[in-house]
Amino acid sequence: MKHRTFLRDKLKQILGLGFAAGDQGVIEIVEGNRKTLEEIKTSLGLPPDAVPDKVLEAVQALKAGLEKMK
Protein backbone atom coordinates (compact mmCIF):
# COMPACT_ATOMS: atom_id res chain seq x y z
CA MET A 1 0.00 0.00 0.00
CA LYS A 2 2.87 2.34 0.82
CA HIS A 3 4.34 1.89 -2.67
CA ARG A 4 0.97 2.64 -4.29
CA THR A 5 0.62 5.87 -2.31
CA PHE A 6 4.16 6.88 -3.27
CA LEU A 7 3.48 6.14 -6.93
CA ARG A 8 0.20 8.08 -6.90
CA ASP A 9 1.89 11.08 -5.27
CA LYS A 10 4.77 10.90 -7.76
CA LEU A 11 2.31 10.87 -10.69
CA LYS A 12 0.54 13.91 -9.24
CA GLN A 13 3.87 15.71 -8.99
CA ILE A 14 4.88 14.80 -12.57
CA LEU A 15 1.49 15.88 -13.91
CA GLY A 16 1.51 19.14 -11.96
CA LEU A 17 -1.52 18.20 -9.89
CA GLY A 18 -1.98 19.15 -6.27
CA PHE A 19 -1.81 16.46 -3.63
CA ALA A 20 -5.55 16.92 -3.07
CA ALA A 21 -6.28 15.64 -6.60
CA GLY A 22 -8.14 12.36 -6.60
CA ASP A 23 -7.23 9.12 -8.30
CA GLN A 24 -9.82 9.71 -11.03
CA GLY A 25 -8.18 13.03 -11.89
CA VAL A 26 -4.80 11.33 -12.25
CA ILE A 27 -6.30 8.62 -14.47
CA GLU A 28 -8.03 11.18 -16.70
CA ILE A 29 -4.84 13.20 -17.17
CA VAL A 30 -2.77 10.11 -18.02
CA GLU A 31 -5.40 8.93 -20.51
CA GLY A 32 -5.47 12.39 -22.10
CA ASN A 33 -1.67 12.43 -22.40
CA ARG A 34 -1.73 8.98 -24.00
CA LYS A 35 -4.22 10.16 -26.62
CA THR A 36 -2.12 13.26 -27.27
CA LEU A 37 1.01 11.15 -27.76
CA GLU A 38 -0.87 8.87 -30.17
CA GLU A 39 -1.96 11.93 -32.19
CA ILE A 40 1.61 13.26 -32.26
CA LYS A 41 2.93 9.91 -33.52
CA THR A 42 0.25 9.77 -36.22
CA SER A 43 0.96 13.35 -37.31
CA LEU A 44 4.66 12.57 -37.59
CA GLY A 45 3.96 9.43 -39.62
CA LEU A 46 5.26 7.14 -36.90
CA PRO A 47 3.78 3.78 -35.96
CA PRO A 48 1.70 3.60 -32.77
CA ASP A 49 4.43 1.60 -31.02
CA ALA A 50 7.20 4.12 -31.76
CA VAL A 51 9.45 4.61 -28.75
CA PRO A 52 9.90 8.09 -27.23
CA ASP A 53 13.39 8.43 -28.75
CA LYS A 54 11.92 8.02 -32.26
CA VAL A 55 9.25 10.62 -31.51
CA LEU A 56 11.93 13.04 -30.34
CA GLU A 57 14.04 12.37 -33.45
CA ALA A 58 11.05 13.05 -35.70
CA VAL A 59 10.24 16.29 -33.87
CA GLN A 60 13.87 17.43 -34.10
CA ALA A 61 13.93 16.61 -37.82
CA LEU A 62 10.73 18.59 -38.31
CA LYS A 63 12.22 21.53 -36.41
CA ALA A 64 15.40 21.41 -38.50
CA GLY A 65 13.34 21.34 -41.69
CA LEU A 66 11.31 24.33 -40.58
CA GLU A 67 14.44 26.28 -39.67
CA LYS A 68 15.89 25.65 -43.15
CA MET A 69 12.75 27.14 -44.68
CA LYS A 70 13.30 30.47 -42.88
PDB file of N, CA and C in Angstrom:
ATOM      1  N   MET A   1       0.820  -1.194   0.000  1.00  0.00           N
ATOM      2  CA  MET A   1       0.000   0.000   0.000  1.00  0.00           C
ATOM      3  C   MET A   1       0.866   1.262   0.000  1.00  0.00           C
ATOM      4  N   LYS A   2       1.972   1.202   0.735  1.00  0.00           N
ATOM      5  CA  LYS A   2       2.871   2.342   0.815  1.00  0.00           C
ATOM      6  C   LYS A   2       3.421   2.703  -0.563  1.00  0.00           C
ATOM      7  N   HIS A   3       3.794   1.672  -1.335  1.00  0.00           N
ATOM      8  CA  HIS A   3       4.336   1.895  -2.673  1.00  0.00           C
ATOM      9  C   HIS A   3       3.293   2.542  -3.580  1.00  0.00           C
ATOM     10  N   ARG A   4       2.047   2.095  -3.457  1.00  0.00           N
ATOM     11  CA  ARG A   4       0.975   2.643  -4.294  1.00  0.00           C
ATOM     12  C   ARG A   4       0.758   4.124  -3.978  1.00  0.00           C
ATOM     13  N   THR A   5       0.781   4.468  -2.710  1.00  0.00           N
ATOM     14  CA  THR A   5       0.622   5.865  -2.309  1.00  0.00           C
ATOM     15  C   THR A   5       1.774   6.699  -2.842  1.00  0.00           C
ATOM     16  N   PHE A   6       2.996   6.176  -2.746  1.00  0.00           N
ATOM     17  CA  PHE A   6       4.164   6.879  -3.267  1.00  0.00           C
ATOM     18  C   PHE A   6       4.027   7.093  -4.767  1.00  0.00           C
ATOM     19  N   LEU A   7       3.629   6.048  -5.487  1.00  0.00           N
ATOM     20  CA  LEU A   7       3.477   6.137  -6.933  1.00  0.00           C
ATOM     21  C   LEU A   7       2.410   7.158  -7.308  1.00  0.00           C
ATOM     22  N   ARG A   8       1.275   7.125  -6.630  1.00  0.00           N
ATOM     23  CA  ARG A   8       0.196   8.079  -6.903  1.00  0.00           C
ATOM     24  C   ARG A   8       0.682   9.508  -6.667  1.00  0.00           C
ATOM     25  N   ASP A   9       1.385   9.745  -5.565  1.00  0.00           N
ATOM     26  CA  ASP A   9       1.891  11.082  -5.268  1.00  0.00           C
ATOM     27  C   ASP A   9       2.935  11.518  -6.290  1.00  0.00           C
ATOM     28  N   LYS A  10       3.761  10.587  -6.746  1.00  0.00           N
ATOM     29  CA  LYS A  10       4.769  10.904  -7.763  1.00  0.00           C
ATOM     30  C   LYS A  10       4.093  11.284  -9.080  1.00  0.00           C
ATOM     31  N   LEU A  11       3.057  10.539  -9.470  1.00  0.00           N
ATOM     32  CA  LEU A  11       2.315  10.874 -10.687  1.00  0.00           C
ATOM     33  C   LEU A  11       1.693  12.263 -10.583  1.00  0.00           C
ATOM     34  N   LYS A  12       1.132  12.583  -9.437  1.00  0.00           N
ATOM     35  CA  LYS A  12       0.543  13.908  -9.238  1.00  0.00           C
ATOM     36  C   LYS A  12       1.594  14.994  -9.415  1.00  0.00           C
ATOM     37  N   GLN A  13       2.781  14.744  -8.878  1.00  0.00           N
ATOM     38  CA  GLN A  13       3.869  15.713  -8.994  1.00  0.00           C
ATOM     39  C   GLN A  13       4.283  15.869 -10.454  1.00  0.00           C
ATOM     40  N   ILE A  14       4.470  14.768 -11.165  1.00  0.00           N
ATOM     41  CA  ILE A  14       4.878  14.803 -12.569  1.00  0.00           C
ATOM     42  C   ILE A  14       3.844  15.534 -13.419  1.00  0.00           C
ATOM     43  N   LEU A  15       2.575  15.300 -13.127  1.00  0.00           N
ATOM     44  CA  LEU A  15       1.486  15.876 -13.911  1.00  0.00           C
ATOM     45  C   LEU A  15       1.129  17.294 -13.481  1.00  0.00           C
ATOM     46  N   GLY A  16       1.772  17.787 -12.430  1.00  0.00           N
ATOM     47  CA  GLY A  16       1.509  19.136 -11.958  1.00  0.00           C
ATOM     48  C   GLY A  16       0.191  19.278 -11.218  1.00  0.00           C
ATOM     49  N   LEU A  17      -0.276  18.186 -10.650  1.00  0.00           N
ATOM     50  CA  LEU A  17      -1.519  18.204  -9.886  1.00  0.00           C
ATOM     51  C   LEU A  17      -1.212  18.417  -8.416  1.00  0.00           C
ATOM     52  N   GLY A  18      -2.137  19.001  -7.707  1.00  0.00           N
ATOM     53  CA  GLY A  18      -1.982  19.153  -6.268  1.00  0.00           C
ATOM     54  C   GLY A  18      -2.181  17.816  -5.579  1.00  0.00           C
ATOM     55  N   PHE A  19      -1.679  17.714  -4.368  1.00  0.00           N
ATOM     56  CA  PHE A  19      -1.807  16.456  -3.631  1.00  0.00           C
ATOM     57  C   PHE A  19      -3.256  16.143  -3.281  1.00  0.00           C
ATOM     58  N   ALA A  20      -4.136  17.151  -3.362  1.00  0.00           N
ATOM     59  CA  ALA A  20      -5.549  16.919  -3.074  1.00  0.00           C
ATOM     60  C   ALA A  20      -6.283  16.284  -4.256  1.00  0.00           C
ATOM     61  N   ALA A  21      -5.636  16.227  -5.417  1.00  0.00           N
ATOM     62  CA  ALA A  21      -6.275  15.635  -6.600  1.00  0.00           C
ATOM     63  C   ALA A  21      -6.585  14.167  -6.336  1.00  0.00           C
ATOM     64  N   GLY A  22      -7.726  13.742  -6.805  1.00  0.00           N
ATOM     65  CA  GLY A  22      -8.142  12.361  -6.598  1.00  0.00           C
ATOM     66  C   GLY A  22      -7.571  11.418  -7.638  1.00  0.00           C
ATOM     67  N   ASP A  23      -7.726  10.136  -7.374  1.00  0.00           N
ATOM     68  CA  ASP A  23      -7.229   9.116  -8.296  1.00  0.00           C
ATOM     69  C   ASP A  23      -7.856   9.253  -9.676  1.00  0.00           C
ATOM     70  N   GLN A  24      -9.145   9.577  -9.738  1.00  0.00           N
ATOM     71  CA  GLN A  24      -9.822   9.708 -11.028  1.00  0.00           C
ATOM     72  C   GLN A  24      -9.206  10.834 -11.851  1.00  0.00           C
ATOM     73  N   GLY A  25      -8.833  11.921 -11.195  1.00  0.00           N
ATOM     74  CA  GLY A  25      -8.183  13.027 -11.894  1.00  0.00           C
ATOM     75  C   GLY A  25      -6.854  12.606 -12.497  1.00  0.00           C
ATOM     76  N   VAL A  26      -6.090  11.832 -11.753  1.00  0.00           N
ATOM     77  CA  VAL A  26      -4.804  11.326 -12.246  1.00  0.00           C
ATOM     78  C   VAL A  26      -5.031  10.432 -13.463  1.00  0.00           C
ATOM     79  N   ILE A  27      -6.004   9.542 -13.364  1.00  0.00           N
ATOM     80  CA  ILE A  27      -6.300   8.622 -14.466  1.00  0.00           C
ATOM     81  C   ILE A  27      -6.713   9.394 -15.713  1.00  0.00           C
ATOM     82  N   GLU A  28      -7.562  10.396 -15.559  1.00  0.00           N
ATOM     83  CA  GLU A  28      -8.030  11.176 -16.704  1.00  0.00           C
ATOM     84  C   GLU A  28      -6.887  11.921 -17.382  1.00  0.00           C
ATOM     85  N   ILE A  29      -5.983  12.487 -16.598  1.00  0.00           N
ATOM     86  CA  ILE A  29      -4.839  13.205 -17.168  1.00  0.00           C
ATOM     87  C   ILE A  29      -3.931  12.245 -17.927  1.00  0.00           C
ATOM     88  N   VAL A  30      -3.639  11.092 -17.352  1.00  0.00           N
ATOM     89  CA  VAL A  30      -2.773  10.110 -18.015  1.00  0.00           C
ATOM     90  C   VAL A  30      -3.414   9.633 -19.318  1.00  0.00           C
ATOM     91  N   GLU A  31      -4.713   9.351 -19.295  1.00  0.00           N
ATOM     92  CA  GLU A  31      -5.400   8.928 -20.515  1.00  0.00           C
ATOM     93  C   GLU A  31      -5.353  10.021 -21.575  1.00  0.00           C
ATOM     94  N   GLY A  32      -5.536  11.267 -21.169  1.00  0.00           N
ATOM     95  CA  GLY A  32      -5.466  12.385 -22.103  1.00  0.00           C
ATOM     96  C   GLY A  32      -4.081  12.525 -22.715  1.00  0.00           C
ATOM     97  N   ASN A  33      -3.045  12.357 -21.895  1.00  0.00           N
ATOM     98  CA  ASN A  33      -1.672  12.432 -22.399  1.00  0.00           C
ATOM     99  C   ASN A  33      -1.375  11.298 -23.370  1.00  0.00           C
ATOM    100  N   ARG A  34      -1.925  10.114 -23.096  1.00  0.00           N
ATOM    101  CA  ARG A  34      -1.731   8.978 -23.998  1.00  0.00           C
ATOM    102  C   ARG A  34      -2.346   9.280 -25.354  1.00  0.00           C
ATOM    103  N   LYS A  35      -3.547   9.822 -25.356  1.00  0.00           N
ATOM    104  CA  LYS A  35      -4.216  10.160 -26.615  1.00  0.00           C
ATOM    105  C   LYS A  35      -3.440  11.229 -27.369  1.00  0.00           C
ATOM    106  N   THR A  36      -2.916  12.208 -26.646  1.00  0.00           N
ATOM    107  CA  THR A  36      -2.123  13.257 -27.275  1.00  0.00           C
ATOM    108  C   THR A  36      -0.871  12.672 -27.912  1.00  0.00           C
ATOM    109  N   LEU A  37      -0.192  11.775 -27.221  1.00  0.00           N
ATOM    110  CA  LEU A  37       1.009  11.153 -27.765  1.00  0.00           C
ATOM    111  C   LEU A  37       0.679  10.333 -29.005  1.00  0.00           C
ATOM    112  N   GLU A  38      -0.453   9.635 -28.989  1.00  0.00           N
ATOM    113  CA  GLU A  38      -0.869   8.873 -30.171  1.00  0.00           C
ATOM    114  C   GLU A  38      -1.094   9.805 -31.358  1.00  0.00           C
ATOM    115  N   GLU A  39      -1.713  10.965 -31.127  1.00  0.00           N
ATOM    116  CA  GLU A  39      -1.959  11.934 -32.190  1.00  0.00           C
ATOM    117  C   GLU A  39      -0.647  12.497 -32.726  1.00  0.00           C
ATOM    118  N   ILE A  40       0.300  12.748 -31.839  1.00  0.00           N
ATOM    119  CA  ILE A  40       1.607  13.255 -32.259  1.00  0.00           C
ATOM    120  C   ILE A  40       2.300  12.227 -33.146  1.00  0.00           C
ATOM    121  N   LYS A  41       2.297  10.972 -32.729  1.00  0.00           N
ATOM    122  CA  LYS A  41       2.926   9.913 -33.523  1.00  0.00           C
ATOM    123  C   LYS A  41       2.285   9.820 -34.901  1.00  0.00           C
ATOM    124  N   THR A  42       0.963   9.848 -34.953  1.00  0.00           N
ATOM    125  CA  THR A  42       0.252   9.769 -36.223  1.00  0.00           C
ATOM    126  C   THR A  42       0.614  10.955 -37.110  1.00  0.00           C
ATOM    127  N   SER A  43       0.635  12.147 -36.541  1.00  0.00           N
ATOM    128  CA  SER A  43       0.958  13.353 -37.306  1.00  0.00           C
ATOM    129  C   SER A  43       2.367  13.309 -37.872  1.00  0.00           C
ATOM    130  N   LEU A  44       3.274  12.676 -37.142  1.00  0.00           N
ATOM    131  CA  LEU A  44       4.664  12.573 -37.592  1.00  0.00           C
ATOM    132  C   LEU A  44       4.888  11.387 -38.521  1.00  0.00           C
ATOM    133  N   GLY A  45       3.835  10.600 -38.752  1.00  0.00           N
ATOM    134  CA  GLY A  45       3.957   9.431 -39.622  1.00  0.00           C
ATOM    135  C   GLY A  45       4.649   8.257 -38.960  1.00  0.00           C
ATOM    136  N   LEU A  46       4.623   8.225 -37.648  1.00  0.00           N
ATOM    137  CA  LEU A  46       5.264   7.143 -36.903  1.00  0.00           C
ATOM    138  C   LEU A  46       4.242   6.071 -36.552  1.00  0.00           C
ATOM    139  N   PRO A  47       4.702   4.843 -36.379  1.00  0.00           N
ATOM    140  CA  PRO A  47       3.781   3.780 -35.962  1.00  0.00           C
ATOM    141  C   PRO A  47       3.350   3.992 -34.508  1.00  0.00           C
ATOM    142  N   PRO A  48       2.209   3.433 -34.134  1.00  0.00           N
ATOM    143  CA  PRO A  48       1.704   3.604 -32.768  1.00  0.00           C
ATOM    144  C   PRO A  48       2.657   3.109 -31.685  1.00  0.00           C
ATOM    145  N   ASP A  49       3.515   2.146 -32.028  1.00  0.00           N
ATOM    146  CA  ASP A  49       4.429   1.597 -31.023  1.00  0.00           C
ATOM    147  C   ASP A  49       5.808   2.261 -31.046  1.00  0.00           C
ATOM    148  N   ALA A  50       5.918   3.418 -31.706  1.00  0.00           N
ATOM    149  CA  ALA A  50       7.203   4.120 -31.762  1.00  0.00           C
ATOM    150  C   ALA A  50       7.638   4.508 -30.350  1.00  0.00           C
ATOM    151  N   VAL A  51       8.911   4.285 -30.076  1.00  0.00           N
ATOM    152  CA  VAL A  51       9.454   4.608 -28.753  1.00  0.00           C
ATOM    153  C   VAL A  51       9.681   6.121 -28.644  1.00  0.00           C
ATOM    154  N   PRO A  52       9.726   6.645 -27.417  1.00  0.00           N
ATOM    155  CA  PRO A  52       9.898   8.089 -27.231  1.00  0.00           C
ATOM    156  C   PRO A  52      11.112   8.673 -27.960  1.00  0.00           C
ATOM    157  N   ASP A  53      12.210   7.925 -28.042  1.00  0.00           N
ATOM    158  CA  ASP A  53      13.388   8.433 -28.749  1.00  0.00           C
ATOM    159  C   ASP A  53      13.088   8.693 -30.220  1.00  0.00           C
ATOM    160  N   LYS A  54      12.287   7.835 -30.847  1.00  0.00           N
ATOM    161  CA  LYS A  54      11.920   8.018 -32.257  1.00  0.00           C
ATOM    162  C   LYS A  54      11.013   9.232 -32.426  1.00  0.00           C
ATOM    163  N   VAL A  55      10.125   9.442 -31.468  1.00  0.00           N
ATOM    164  CA  VAL A  55       9.253  10.617 -31.512  1.00  0.00           C
ATOM    165  C   VAL A  55      10.105  11.878 -31.422  1.00  0.00           C
ATOM    166  N   LEU A  56      11.048  11.888 -30.502  1.00  0.00           N
ATOM    167  CA  LEU A  56      11.928  13.039 -30.338  1.00  0.00           C
ATOM    168  C   LEU A  56      12.750  13.282 -31.600  1.00  0.00           C
ATOM    169  N   GLU A  57      13.283  12.230 -32.201  1.00  0.00           N
ATOM    170  CA  GLU A  57      14.044  12.366 -33.448  1.00  0.00           C
ATOM    171  C   GLU A  57      13.188  12.985 -34.545  1.00  0.00           C
ATOM    172  N   ALA A  58      11.948  12.528 -34.667  1.00  0.00           N
ATOM    173  CA  ALA A  58      11.054  13.046 -35.699  1.00  0.00           C
ATOM    174  C   ALA A  58      10.728  14.516 -35.450  1.00  0.00           C
ATOM    175  N   VAL A  59      10.527  14.890 -34.203  1.00  0.00           N
ATOM    176  CA  VAL A  59      10.244  16.286 -33.868  1.00  0.00           C
ATOM    177  C   VAL A  59      11.462  17.156 -34.166  1.00  0.00           C
ATOM    178  N   GLN A  60      12.645  16.669 -33.825  1.00  0.00           N
ATOM    179  CA  GLN A  60      13.867  17.429 -34.096  1.00  0.00           C
ATOM    180  C   GLN A  60      14.098  17.577 -35.597  1.00  0.00           C
ATOM    181  N   ALA A  61      13.800  16.537 -36.366  1.00  0.00           N
ATOM    182  CA  ALA A  61      13.935  16.611 -37.822  1.00  0.00           C
ATOM    183  C   ALA A  61      12.943  17.622 -38.392  1.00  0.00           C
ATOM    184  N   LEU A  62      11.742  17.625 -37.874  1.00  0.00           N
ATOM    185  CA  LEU A  62      10.732  18.593 -38.305  1.00  0.00           C
ATOM    186  C   LEU A  62      11.195  20.010 -37.997  1.00  0.00           C
ATOM    187  N   LYS A  63      11.725  20.212 -36.808  1.00  0.00           N
ATOM    188  CA  LYS A  63      12.224  21.527 -36.407  1.00  0.00           C
ATOM    189  C   LYS A  63      13.353  21.978 -37.326  1.00  0.00           C
ATOM    190  N   ALA A  64      14.281  21.072 -37.615  1.00  0.00           N
ATOM    191  CA  ALA A  64      15.401  21.409 -38.498  1.00  0.00           C
ATOM    192  C   ALA A  64      14.890  21.779 -39.885  1.00  0.00           C
ATOM    193  N   GLY A  65      13.918  21.037 -40.383  1.00  0.00           N
ATOM    194  CA  GLY A  65      13.343  21.340 -41.694  1.00  0.00           C
ATOM    195  C   GLY A  65      12.666  22.697 -41.718  1.00  0.00           C
ATOM    196  N   LEU A  66      11.976  23.032 -40.658  1.00  0.00           N
ATOM    197  CA  LEU A  66      11.308  24.330 -40.580  1.00  0.00           C
ATOM    198  C   LEU A  66      12.316  25.468 -40.498  1.00  0.00           C
ATOM    199  N   GLU A  67      13.418  25.250 -39.789  1.00  0.00           N
ATOM    200  CA  GLU A  67      14.443  26.284 -39.674  1.00  0.00           C
ATOM    201  C   GLU A  67      15.126  26.532 -41.012  1.00  0.00           C
ATOM    202  N   LYS A  68      15.284  25.487 -41.830  1.00  0.00           N
ATOM    203  CA  LYS A  68      15.887  25.646 -43.154  1.00  0.00           C
ATOM    204  C   LYS A  68      14.998  26.475 -44.069  1.00  0.00           C
ATOM    205  N   MET A  69      13.691  26.415 -43.837  1.00  0.00           N
ATOM    206  CA  MET A  69      12.749  27.137 -44.675  1.00  0.00           C
ATOM    207  C   MET A  69      12.740  28.634 -44.383  1.00  0.00           C
ATOM    208  N   LYS A  70      13.301  29.041 -43.261  1.00  0.00           N
ATOM    209  CA  LYS A  70      13.300  30.468 -42.882  1.00  0.00           C
ATOM    210  C   LYS A  70      14.209  31.281 -43.752  1.00  0.00           C
TER     211      LYS A  70
END
